[in-house]
Amino acid sequence: MISEDILFSYGAKAEKYQPDEFIFHEGTSSKFYFQIIYGTVKLNNFLENGKEFVYGFPFDGHCIGESYLFTNHSYAINAMAVTECEIIRLEKNAFLKLLSSDPEFHFRINQYTADRLHFRYIISSLLSIRDPAVKLKMLLDYLKSYFDYDTPYSFEVPYTRNQLAALTGLRVETVIRTLKKMEKQALVKINNAKIQY
């Protein structure tokens, strides 16, 4: 998103997080711009019935919770480390000063936020679809185009079967079964447990 050197020149610090550690909590106010150096983060809510709703799994290079820096709203989501992560934290006022220094930074953040919002619309629409193969295909089509791949099997899906289940609202067993069917239909290839689409 933004060069790490530029972020550090504005006073950012790198913090390490362990799996299942919260980066920020739902209901707290935003005080930092977060950008992932490495690792995978889960954006989620925990529902009253103990279930979890997952919005996405941003990873290396992505920023998280950036839209809250432009409002007075508290976070409506949690951000949790899925793997060991190193994340850059830049204080909100320094981040806003950085954005005002060059319109290009503002444009990049707006474009990224718009892409993320589009992804959330795609995820939300999946909830109304009953056929697991259609759900997975829609998600994989979106991911493949987002990462700019277009030939068959050229895209290695960056998510585990558990993560695909969380994003689609399916059970893990259903995802595994559906991927096997998709493999028989030559829609995906599975090599060493990696999904190629």
Protein backbone atom coordinates (compact mmCIF):
# COMPACT_ATOMS: atom_id res chain seq x y z
CA MET A 1 0.00 0.00 0.00
CA ILE A 2 2.50 2.60 1.20
CA SER A 3 6.27 2.19 1.23
CA GLU A 4 7.48 0.90 4.59
CA ASP A 5 10.34 3.41 4.53
CA ILE A 6 7.87 6.29 4.18
CA LEU A 7 5.75 4.95 7.04
CA PHE A 8 8.82 4.61 9.27
CA SER A 9 9.93 8.15 8.34
CA TYR A 10 6.61 9.37 9.83
CA GLY A 11 7.28 7.55 13.10
CA ALA A 12 5.72 4.12 12.49
CA LYS A 13 6.80 1.12 14.53
CA ALA A 14 6.69 -2.59 13.65
CA GLU A 15 4.90 -4.88 16.11
CA LYS A 16 4.81 -8.69 16.19
CA TYR A 17 1.62 -10.64 16.88
CA GLN A 18 1.16 -14.32 17.62
CA PRO A 19 -1.68 -16.50 16.24
CA ASP A 20 -5.07 -15.66 17.84
CA GLU A 21 -3.73 -12.39 19.27
CA PHE A 22 -5.99 -9.37 18.71
CA ILE A 23 -4.62 -6.44 16.73
CA PHE A 24 -7.75 -4.44 17.53
CA HIS A 25 -11.15 -5.20 19.08
CA GLU A 26 -14.69 -4.45 17.98
CA GLY A 27 -16.00 -1.45 19.93
CA THR A 28 -12.64 0.29 20.40
CA SER A 29 -11.63 3.51 18.67
CA SER A 30 -9.09 3.59 15.87
CA LYS A 31 -5.75 5.09 16.83
CA PHE A 32 -3.39 3.59 14.25
CA TYR A 33 -2.92 2.83 10.58
CA PHE A 34 -1.97 -0.88 10.30
CA GLN A 35 -0.06 -2.39 7.36
CA ILE A 36 0.94 -6.05 7.29
CA ILE A 37 4.64 -6.74 6.63
CA TYR A 38 4.09 -10.51 6.74
CA GLY A 39 1.48 -12.91 8.03
CA THR A 40 -2.27 -13.41 7.71
CA VAL A 41 -4.94 -11.54 9.67
CA LYS A 42 -8.61 -12.43 10.13
CA LEU A 43 -11.29 -9.71 10.16
CA ASN A 44 -14.31 -11.02 12.03
CA ASN A 45 -17.19 -10.66 14.48
CA PHE A 46 -18.25 -13.11 17.15
CA LEU A 47 -22.02 -13.50 17.19
CA GLU A 48 -24.20 -14.00 20.28
CA ASN A 49 -24.67 -17.71 19.52
CA GLY A 50 -20.89 -18.20 19.65
CA LYS A 51 -20.54 -18.39 15.88
CA GLU A 52 -18.07 -16.31 13.97
CA PHE A 53 -18.62 -14.20 10.86
CA VAL A 54 -15.46 -13.68 8.79
CA TYR A 55 -15.03 -10.71 6.45
CA GLY A 56 -11.63 -11.53 5.04
CA PHE A 57 -8.06 -12.72 5.49
CA PRO A 58 -5.72 -9.87 4.50
CA PHE A 59 -2.05 -10.77 4.30
CA ASP A 60 1.41 -9.40 3.34
CA GLY A 61 1.23 -5.81 2.08
CA HIS A 62 -2.44 -5.19 2.93
CA CYS A 63 -3.66 -2.58 5.37
CA ILE A 64 -6.44 -3.23 7.88
CA GLY A 65 -9.09 -1.03 9.47
CA GLU A 66 -7.97 1.99 7.46
CA SER A 67 -11.51 3.27 6.77
CA TYR A 68 -12.05 3.90 10.51
CA LEU A 69 -9.30 6.52 10.50
CA PHE A 70 -11.66 8.82 8.56
CA THR A 71 -14.62 8.57 10.96
CA ASN A 72 -15.39 8.85 14.65
CA HIS A 73 -16.96 5.37 14.66
CA SER A 74 -15.54 2.59 16.79
CA TYR A 75 -14.41 -0.57 15.04
CA ALA A 76 -17.36 -2.79 14.05
CA ILE A 77 -14.97 -5.73 13.56
CA ASN A 78 -12.06 -7.48 15.22
CA ALA A 79 -8.66 -8.02 13.65
CA MET A 80 -6.83 -11.14 14.84
CA ALA A 81 -3.55 -12.71 13.77
CA VAL A 82 -4.07 -16.08 12.06
CA THR A 83 -0.35 -16.74 11.70
CA GLU A 84 2.62 -15.03 13.27
CA CYS A 85 2.49 -11.47 11.91
CA GLU A 86 4.62 -8.40 11.80
CA ILE A 87 2.54 -5.28 11.33
CA ILE A 88 3.47 -1.63 10.95
CA ARG A 89 1.55 0.75 13.24
CA LEU A 90 1.46 4.46 12.48
CA GLU A 91 -0.42 6.85 14.78
CA LYS A 92 -3.61 8.26 13.27
CA ASN A 93 -2.49 11.92 13.26
CA ALA A 94 0.84 11.05 11.60
CA PHE A 95 -1.03 8.93 9.03
CA LEU A 96 -3.42 11.78 8.16
CA LYS A 97 -0.44 14.13 7.87
CA LEU A 98 1.22 11.63 5.49
CA LEU A 99 -1.93 11.48 3.33
CA SER A 100 -2.15 15.27 3.14
CA SER A 101 1.49 15.43 1.98
CA ASP A 102 0.73 13.74 -1.37
CA PRO A 103 -2.64 13.15 -3.08
CA GLU A 104 -1.27 9.87 -4.52
CA PHE A 105 -1.34 8.28 -1.06
CA HIS A 106 -4.95 9.34 -0.59
CA PHE A 107 -5.87 7.90 -3.99
CA ARG A 108 -4.21 4.54 -3.19
CA ILE A 109 -5.99 4.23 0.16
CA ASN A 110 -9.35 5.15 -1.41
CA GLN A 111 -8.86 2.64 -4.21
CA TYR A 112 -7.86 -0.07 -1.75
CA THR A 113 -10.86 0.66 0.49
CA ALA A 114 -13.19 0.56 -2.53
CA ASP A 115 -11.73 -2.82 -3.57
CA ARG A 116 -12.20 -4.15 -0.03
CA LEU A 117 -15.81 -2.91 0.03
CA HIS A 118 -16.45 -4.64 -3.31
CA PHE A 119 -15.03 -7.86 -1.85
CA ARG A 120 -17.39 -7.58 1.12
CA TYR A 121 -20.34 -7.20 -1.26
CA ILE A 122 -19.22 -10.36 -3.06
CA ILE A 123 -18.92 -12.22 0.26
CA SER A 124 -22.35 -10.99 1.38
CA SER A 125 -23.97 -12.14 -1.86
CA LEU A 126 -22.55 -15.64 -1.34
CA LEU A 127 -24.70 -16.06 1.77
CA SER A 128 -27.88 -16.18 -0.36
CA ILE A 129 -26.55 -18.96 -2.64
CA ARG A 130 -27.30 -22.53 -1.62
CA ASP A 131 -25.13 -24.49 -4.08
CA PRO A 132 -21.63 -24.87 -2.54
CA ALA A 133 -19.96 -25.26 -5.96
CA VAL A 134 -21.49 -21.98 -7.16
CA LYS A 135 -20.36 -20.24 -3.95
CA LEU A 136 -16.79 -21.48 -4.26
CA LYS A 137 -16.61 -20.73 -7.99
CA MET A 138 -17.83 -17.14 -7.45
CA LEU A 139 -15.25 -16.60 -4.72
CA LEU A 140 -12.42 -18.16 -6.74
CA ASP A 141 -13.41 -16.16 -9.85
CA TYR A 142 -13.24 -12.95 -7.85
CA LEU A 143 -9.89 -13.79 -6.23
CA LYS A 144 -8.34 -14.87 -9.53
CA SER A 145 -9.37 -11.64 -11.26
CA TYR A 146 -8.31 -9.51 -8.25
CA PHE A 147 -4.80 -10.97 -8.41
CA ASP A 148 -4.84 -10.52 -12.21
CA TYR A 149 -4.64 -14.16 -13.34
CA ASP A 150 -6.60 -15.33 -16.34
CA THR A 151 -5.33 -18.70 -17.61
CA PRO A 152 -6.61 -22.01 -16.23
CA TYR A 153 -4.81 -23.27 -13.11
CA SER A 154 -2.46 -20.26 -13.05
CA PHE A 155 -3.78 -18.96 -9.73
CA GLU A 156 -2.74 -20.66 -6.50
CA VAL A 157 -5.47 -19.94 -3.96
CA PRO A 158 -3.87 -18.23 -0.93
CA TYR A 159 -6.47 -19.58 1.50
CA THR A 160 -6.81 -22.84 3.40
CA ARG A 161 -9.95 -24.93 3.20
CA ASN A 162 -10.91 -23.64 6.68
CA GLN A 163 -10.57 -20.06 5.47
CA LEU A 164 -12.61 -20.78 2.32
CA ALA A 165 -15.30 -22.27 4.56
CA ALA A 166 -15.30 -19.17 6.79
CA LEU A 167 -15.59 -16.84 3.79
CA THR A 168 -18.43 -18.78 2.15
CA GLY A 169 -20.39 -19.83 5.24
CA LEU A 170 -19.88 -23.50 4.38
CA ARG A 171 -18.66 -26.31 6.59
CA VAL A 172 -15.05 -27.37 6.04
CA GLU A 173 -16.18 -30.87 5.05
CA THR A 174 -18.47 -29.37 2.39
CA VAL A 175 -15.61 -27.29 0.99
CA ILE A 176 -13.36 -30.37 0.79
CA ARG A 177 -16.07 -32.46 -0.90
CA THR A 178 -16.95 -29.65 -3.32
CA LEU A 179 -13.32 -29.05 -4.28
CA LYS A 180 -12.93 -32.77 -5.06
CA LYS A 181 -15.99 -32.58 -7.34
CA MET A 182 -14.60 -29.43 -8.97
CA GLU A 183 -11.30 -31.25 -9.54
CA LYS A 184 -13.13 -34.11 -11.31
CA GLN A 185 -14.85 -31.49 -13.49
CA ALA A 186 -11.40 -30.01 -14.32
CA LEU A 187 -12.34 -26.67 -12.71
CA VAL A 188 -9.46 -26.82 -10.23
CA LYS A 189 -6.24 -28.78 -9.81
CA ILE A 190 -5.03 -29.86 -6.39
CA ASN A 191 -1.28 -30.37 -6.02
CA ASN A 192 0.27 -31.04 -2.60
CA ALA A 193 -2.94 -29.77 -0.95
CA LYS A 194 -2.63 -26.46 -2.84
CA ILE A 195 -5.63 -25.40 -4.92
CA GLN A 196 -4.85 -24.14 -8.42
CA TYR A 197 -7.64 -22.34 -10.23
